[in-house]
Amino acid sequence: MSSPDTEELATTPPPAGEPETPRSGRFWRGLTGSLAAGMVVLAVFVLVVAGVCLFAGAPGPGPLMLIGHPVAAVVALLAQRVADTRNGRVAGFAGLGVVVSVTAALSLFWWS
């Protein structure tokens, strides 16, 4: 049995216009990215439920929920974009903005 022919690929640094991906902060960026994505899923879910309730004639989420969830999702996504593209304190504070946006939406609309 012979081994397959393989060759080792050389790794090259990113082009001059692109910054290197920082190794520090991966956990924080992953956590805030997950929160932002979850907020988007929740906003879409609330809008779908509102549409089903509208066609079924059942009471559904109120206008505050229908506006608040998409706004919180957009704020979280914009803050996450900043967190992903910047480094240092700016990225940290943008990630904190994601956490605050998601926490505010969950506490205002889901805490009873």
N, C-alpha and C. Protein backbone atom coordinates (compact mmCIF):
# COMPACT_ATOMS: atom_id res chain seq x y z
N MET A 1 0.83 -1.16 0.00
CA MET A 1 0.00 0.00 0.00
C MET A 1 0.89 1.24 0.00
N SER A 2 0.68 2.13 -0.91
CA SER A 2 1.52 3.32 -0.98
C SER A 2 0.78 4.51 -0.38
N SER A 3 1.54 5.46 0.10
CA SER A 3 0.94 6.65 0.68
C SER A 3 0.62 7.64 -0.44
N PRO A 4 -0.43 8.43 -0.25
CA PRO A 4 -0.79 9.39 -1.30
C PRO A 4 0.27 10.48 -1.41
N ASP A 5 0.39 11.00 -2.62
CA ASP A 5 1.33 12.08 -2.84
C ASP A 5 0.75 13.38 -2.27
N THR A 6 1.46 13.97 -1.35
CA THR A 6 1.02 15.24 -0.77
C THR A 6 2.17 16.22 -0.76
N GLU A 7 1.84 17.46 -0.71
CA GLU A 7 2.87 18.48 -0.59
C GLU A 7 2.45 19.47 0.48
N GLU A 8 3.41 19.98 1.16
CA GLU A 8 3.14 20.92 2.23
C GLU A 8 2.89 22.30 1.63
N LEU A 9 1.78 22.92 2.05
CA LEU A 9 1.45 24.25 1.55
C LEU A 9 2.09 25.31 2.44
N ALA A 10 2.63 26.30 1.81
CA ALA A 10 3.25 27.39 2.56
C ALA A 10 2.17 28.38 2.97
N THR A 11 2.28 28.87 4.19
CA THR A 11 1.34 29.89 4.64
C THR A 11 1.95 31.26 4.38
N THR A 12 1.12 32.14 3.90
CA THR A 12 1.60 33.48 3.60
C THR A 12 0.83 34.48 4.45
N PRO A 13 1.47 35.58 4.81
CA PRO A 13 0.75 36.62 5.56
C PRO A 13 -0.31 37.26 4.67
N PRO A 14 -1.32 37.91 5.27
CA PRO A 14 -2.35 38.55 4.46
C PRO A 14 -1.75 39.71 3.65
N PRO A 15 -2.41 40.08 2.57
CA PRO A 15 -1.92 41.21 1.76
C PRO A 15 -1.80 42.48 2.60
N ALA A 16 -1.06 43.43 2.07
CA ALA A 16 -0.75 44.65 2.82
C ALA A 16 -2.00 45.43 3.22
N GLY A 17 -3.06 45.37 2.45
CA GLY A 17 -4.27 46.13 2.76
C GLY A 17 -5.13 45.50 3.83
N GLU A 18 -4.93 44.22 4.12
CA GLU A 18 -5.78 43.53 5.08
C GLU A 18 -5.03 43.32 6.40
N PRO A 19 -5.69 43.68 7.50
CA PRO A 19 -5.03 43.46 8.79
C PRO A 19 -5.05 41.99 9.18
N GLU A 20 -4.08 41.60 9.97
CA GLU A 20 -4.06 40.22 10.45
C GLU A 20 -5.18 40.02 11.45
N THR A 21 -5.73 38.82 11.48
CA THR A 21 -6.77 38.50 12.45
C THR A 21 -6.13 38.35 13.81
N PRO A 22 -6.56 39.15 14.78
CA PRO A 22 -5.93 39.05 16.10
C PRO A 22 -6.34 37.76 16.79
N ARG A 23 -5.41 37.17 17.51
CA ARG A 23 -5.69 35.94 18.23
C ARG A 23 -6.41 36.23 19.54
N SER A 24 -6.12 37.39 20.13
CA SER A 24 -6.77 37.72 21.39
C SER A 24 -8.20 38.18 21.13
N GLY A 25 -9.08 37.86 22.04
CA GLY A 25 -10.46 38.30 21.92
C GLY A 25 -11.34 37.38 21.12
N ARG A 26 -10.85 36.23 20.74
CA ARG A 26 -11.69 35.33 19.94
C ARG A 26 -12.93 34.87 20.69
N PHE A 27 -12.74 34.54 21.97
CA PHE A 27 -13.89 34.08 22.76
C PHE A 27 -14.93 35.19 22.86
N TRP A 28 -14.48 36.42 23.15
CA TRP A 28 -15.40 37.54 23.29
C TRP A 28 -16.14 37.81 21.99
N ARG A 29 -15.41 37.80 20.88
CA ARG A 29 -16.06 38.03 19.57
C ARG A 29 -17.01 36.90 19.21
N GLY A 30 -16.64 35.68 19.56
CA GLY A 30 -17.53 34.55 19.31
C GLY A 30 -18.79 34.63 20.14
N LEU A 31 -18.64 35.01 21.41
CA LEU A 31 -19.80 35.13 22.29
C LEU A 31 -20.73 36.23 21.80
N THR A 32 -20.18 37.40 21.51
CA THR A 32 -21.04 38.50 21.07
C THR A 32 -21.63 38.24 19.69
N GLY A 33 -20.89 37.55 18.84
CA GLY A 33 -21.44 37.18 17.53
C GLY A 33 -22.60 36.21 17.67
N SER A 34 -22.49 35.29 18.60
CA SER A 34 -23.58 34.35 18.85
C SER A 34 -24.81 35.07 19.41
N LEU A 35 -24.57 36.02 20.30
CA LEU A 35 -25.70 36.79 20.84
C LEU A 35 -26.38 37.61 19.76
N ALA A 36 -25.60 38.23 18.88
CA ALA A 36 -26.18 39.03 17.80
C ALA A 36 -26.98 38.14 16.84
N ALA A 37 -26.42 36.99 16.49
CA ALA A 37 -27.13 36.08 15.60
C ALA A 37 -28.41 35.55 16.25
N GLY A 38 -28.34 35.26 17.53
CA GLY A 38 -29.53 34.80 18.25
C GLY A 38 -30.60 35.88 18.30
N MET A 39 -30.19 37.13 18.42
CA MET A 39 -31.16 38.22 18.43
C MET A 39 -31.85 38.35 17.08
N VAL A 40 -31.10 38.13 16.01
CA VAL A 40 -31.70 38.17 14.66
C VAL A 40 -32.72 37.04 14.51
N VAL A 41 -32.35 35.85 14.96
CA VAL A 41 -33.28 34.70 14.87
C VAL A 41 -34.54 34.98 15.69
N LEU A 42 -34.37 35.53 16.87
CA LEU A 42 -35.53 35.85 17.71
C LEU A 42 -36.41 36.91 17.06
N ALA A 43 -35.81 37.92 16.46
CA ALA A 43 -36.60 38.97 15.79
C ALA A 43 -37.39 38.40 14.62
N VAL A 44 -36.77 37.54 13.83
CA VAL A 44 -37.48 36.91 12.71
C VAL A 44 -38.61 36.03 13.25
N PHE A 45 -38.34 35.29 14.32
CA PHE A 45 -39.36 34.43 14.91
C PHE A 45 -40.56 35.24 15.39
N VAL A 46 -40.31 36.36 16.06
CA VAL A 46 -41.41 37.21 16.55
C VAL A 46 -42.22 37.75 15.38
N LEU A 47 -41.57 38.15 14.30
CA LEU A 47 -42.30 38.66 13.13
C LEU A 47 -43.11 37.57 12.46
N VAL A 48 -42.57 36.35 12.39
CA VAL A 48 -43.31 35.24 11.80
C VAL A 48 -44.53 34.90 12.65
N VAL A 49 -44.35 34.85 13.96
CA VAL A 49 -45.48 34.56 14.85
C VAL A 49 -46.55 35.65 14.72
N ALA A 50 -46.15 36.89 14.59
CA ALA A 50 -47.12 37.98 14.41
C ALA A 50 -47.89 37.80 13.11
N GLY A 51 -47.20 37.38 12.05
CA GLY A 51 -47.89 37.13 10.78
C GLY A 51 -48.87 35.98 10.87
N VAL A 52 -48.48 34.91 11.54
CA VAL A 52 -49.38 33.76 11.72
C VAL A 52 -50.59 34.17 12.55
N CYS A 53 -50.35 34.94 13.61
CA CYS A 53 -51.46 35.40 14.45
C CYS A 53 -52.39 36.33 13.69
N LEU A 54 -51.83 37.13 12.81
CA LEU A 54 -52.65 38.05 12.01
C LEU A 54 -53.60 37.27 11.11
N PHE A 55 -53.09 36.23 10.45
CA PHE A 55 -53.92 35.44 9.54
C PHE A 55 -54.86 34.50 10.28
N ALA A 56 -54.49 34.08 11.48
CA ALA A 56 -55.33 33.17 12.25
C ALA A 56 -56.36 33.91 13.08
N GLY A 57 -56.22 35.21 13.20
CA GLY A 57 -57.16 35.98 14.00
C GLY A 57 -56.91 35.84 15.49
N ALA A 58 -55.74 35.40 15.86
CA ALA A 58 -55.40 35.23 17.28
C ALA A 58 -54.63 36.45 17.77
N PRO A 59 -54.68 36.69 19.08
CA PRO A 59 -53.86 37.78 19.60
C PRO A 59 -52.38 37.41 19.50
N GLY A 60 -51.59 38.36 19.13
CA GLY A 60 -50.16 38.10 18.95
C GLY A 60 -49.33 39.14 19.66
N PRO A 61 -48.06 39.20 19.33
CA PRO A 61 -47.20 40.20 19.96
C PRO A 61 -47.65 41.61 19.60
N GLY A 62 -47.48 42.50 20.54
CA GLY A 62 -47.90 43.89 20.34
C GLY A 62 -46.93 44.66 19.47
N PRO A 63 -47.30 45.89 19.15
CA PRO A 63 -46.45 46.71 18.28
C PRO A 63 -45.08 47.02 18.88
N LEU A 64 -45.02 47.12 20.20
CA LEU A 64 -43.74 47.39 20.83
C LEU A 64 -42.76 46.24 20.60
N MET A 65 -43.26 45.01 20.70
CA MET A 65 -42.40 43.84 20.43
C MET A 65 -42.03 43.77 18.95
N LEU A 66 -42.96 44.12 18.09
CA LEU A 66 -42.71 44.03 16.64
C LEU A 66 -41.70 45.07 16.17
N ILE A 67 -41.59 46.16 16.89
CA ILE A 67 -40.60 47.18 16.55
C ILE A 67 -39.31 46.95 17.32
N GLY A 68 -39.42 46.61 18.59
CA GLY A 68 -38.26 46.49 19.47
C GLY A 68 -37.30 45.38 19.10
N HIS A 69 -37.82 44.23 18.73
CA HIS A 69 -36.93 43.11 18.39
C HIS A 69 -36.08 43.39 17.15
N PRO A 70 -36.66 43.83 16.05
CA PRO A 70 -35.80 44.14 14.89
C PRO A 70 -34.82 45.28 15.15
N VAL A 71 -35.22 46.28 15.92
CA VAL A 71 -34.30 47.38 16.24
C VAL A 71 -33.13 46.85 17.06
N ALA A 72 -33.42 46.02 18.06
CA ALA A 72 -32.36 45.45 18.88
C ALA A 72 -31.44 44.56 18.04
N ALA A 73 -32.01 43.83 17.09
CA ALA A 73 -31.21 42.97 16.22
C ALA A 73 -30.29 43.79 15.33
N VAL A 74 -30.80 44.88 14.77
CA VAL A 74 -29.98 45.73 13.91
C VAL A 74 -28.87 46.39 14.71
N VAL A 75 -29.18 46.88 15.91
CA VAL A 75 -28.16 47.49 16.76
C VAL A 75 -27.08 46.46 17.11
N ALA A 76 -27.51 45.25 17.45
CA ALA A 76 -26.54 44.20 17.79
C ALA A 76 -25.67 43.84 16.59
N LEU A 77 -26.26 43.74 15.41
CA LEU A 77 -25.47 43.41 14.22
C LEU A 77 -24.47 44.51 13.86
N LEU A 78 -24.90 45.77 13.97
CA LEU A 78 -23.98 46.87 13.68
C LEU A 78 -22.83 46.92 14.68
N ALA A 79 -23.15 46.72 15.95
CA ALA A 79 -22.11 46.70 16.97
C ALA A 79 -21.17 45.51 16.76
N GLN A 80 -21.71 44.37 16.36
CA GLN A 80 -20.87 43.20 16.12
C GLN A 80 -19.97 43.41 14.92
N ARG A 81 -20.44 44.11 13.93
CA ARG A 81 -19.58 44.42 12.78
C ARG A 81 -18.39 45.26 13.20
N VAL A 82 -18.64 46.24 14.06
CA VAL A 82 -17.54 47.05 14.58
C VAL A 82 -16.59 46.19 15.40
N ALA A 83 -17.14 45.32 16.23
CA ALA A 83 -16.30 44.45 17.06
C ALA A 83 -15.45 43.52 16.21
N ASP A 84 -15.97 43.08 15.09
CA ASP A 84 -15.22 42.16 14.22
C ASP A 84 -14.15 42.87 13.39
N THR A 85 -14.37 44.14 13.09
CA THR A 85 -13.43 44.82 12.19
C THR A 85 -12.41 45.68 12.92
N ARG A 86 -12.63 45.96 14.18
CA ARG A 86 -11.70 46.80 14.93
C ARG A 86 -10.97 45.99 15.99
N ASN A 87 -9.97 46.59 16.59
CA ASN A 87 -9.19 45.94 17.63
C ASN A 87 -9.19 46.81 18.88
N GLY A 88 -8.75 46.23 19.98
CA GLY A 88 -8.55 46.99 21.20
C GLY A 88 -9.85 47.35 21.90
N ARG A 89 -9.80 48.52 22.52
CA ARG A 89 -10.94 48.96 23.33
C ARG A 89 -12.19 49.18 22.49
N VAL A 90 -12.02 49.65 21.27
CA VAL A 90 -13.19 49.90 20.42
C VAL A 90 -13.94 48.60 20.19
N ALA A 91 -13.23 47.54 19.91
CA ALA A 91 -13.86 46.23 19.71
C ALA A 91 -14.51 45.74 20.99
N GLY A 92 -13.85 45.96 22.11
CA GLY A 92 -14.41 45.54 23.39
C GLY A 92 -15.70 46.27 23.73
N PHE A 93 -15.70 47.59 23.50
CA PHE A 93 -16.91 48.36 23.79
C PHE A 93 -18.03 48.05 22.79
N ALA A 94 -17.68 47.75 21.55
CA ALA A 94 -18.70 47.34 20.58
C ALA A 94 -19.32 46.01 21.00
N GLY A 95 -18.49 45.09 21.47
CA GLY A 95 -19.02 43.82 21.98
C GLY A 95 -19.92 44.04 23.19
N LEU A 96 -19.53 44.98 24.04
CA LEU A 96 -20.37 45.32 25.19
C LEU A 96 -21.70 45.90 24.72
N GLY A 97 -21.68 46.65 23.62
CA GLY A 97 -22.92 47.17 23.04
C GLY A 97 -23.84 46.06 22.58
N VAL A 98 -23.26 44.99 22.03
CA VAL A 98 -24.07 43.84 21.63
C VAL A 98 -24.74 43.23 22.86
N VAL A 99 -23.95 43.03 23.91
CA VAL A 99 -24.49 42.42 25.14
C VAL A 99 -25.60 43.31 25.73
N VAL A 100 -25.39 44.61 25.75
CA VAL A 100 -26.39 45.52 26.31
C VAL A 100 -27.66 45.51 25.47
N SER A 101 -27.52 45.51 24.15
CA SER A 101 -28.68 45.50 23.26
C SER A 101 -29.51 44.23 23.44
N VAL A 102 -28.85 43.10 23.46
CA VAL A 102 -29.56 41.83 23.61
C VAL A 102 -30.18 41.73 25.00
N THR A 103 -29.43 42.12 26.02
CA THR A 103 -29.95 42.06 27.39
C THR A 103 -31.15 42.98 27.56
N ALA A 104 -31.08 44.17 26.99
CA ALA A 104 -32.20 45.10 27.08
C ALA A 104 -33.44 44.53 26.40
N ALA A 105 -33.28 43.96 25.22
CA ALA A 105 -34.43 43.40 24.51
C ALA A 105 -35.04 42.23 25.28
N LEU A 106 -34.19 41.36 25.79
CA LEU A 106 -34.72 40.21 26.52
C LEU A 106 -35.38 40.62 27.83
N SER A 107 -34.79 41.57 28.52
CA SER A 107 -35.37 41.97 29.80
C SER A 107 -36.64 42.82 29.62
N LEU A 108 -36.69 43.64 28.58
CA LEU A 108 -37.87 44.48 28.37
C LEU A 108 -39.06 43.68 27.82
N PHE A 109 -38.79 42.74 26.93
CA PHE A 109 -39.88 42.07 26.25
C PHE A 109 -40.21 40.68 26.77
N TRP A 110 -39.31 40.04 27.48
CA TRP A 110 -39.54 38.66 27.89
C TRP A 110 -39.58 38.45 29.39
N TRP A 111 -39.10 39.41 30.16
CA TRP A 111 -39.10 39.27 31.61
C TRP A 111 -40.48 39.61 32.13
N SER A 112 -41.09 38.70 32.83
CA SER A 112 -42.45 38.96 33.34
C SER A 112 -42.46 39.17 34.82
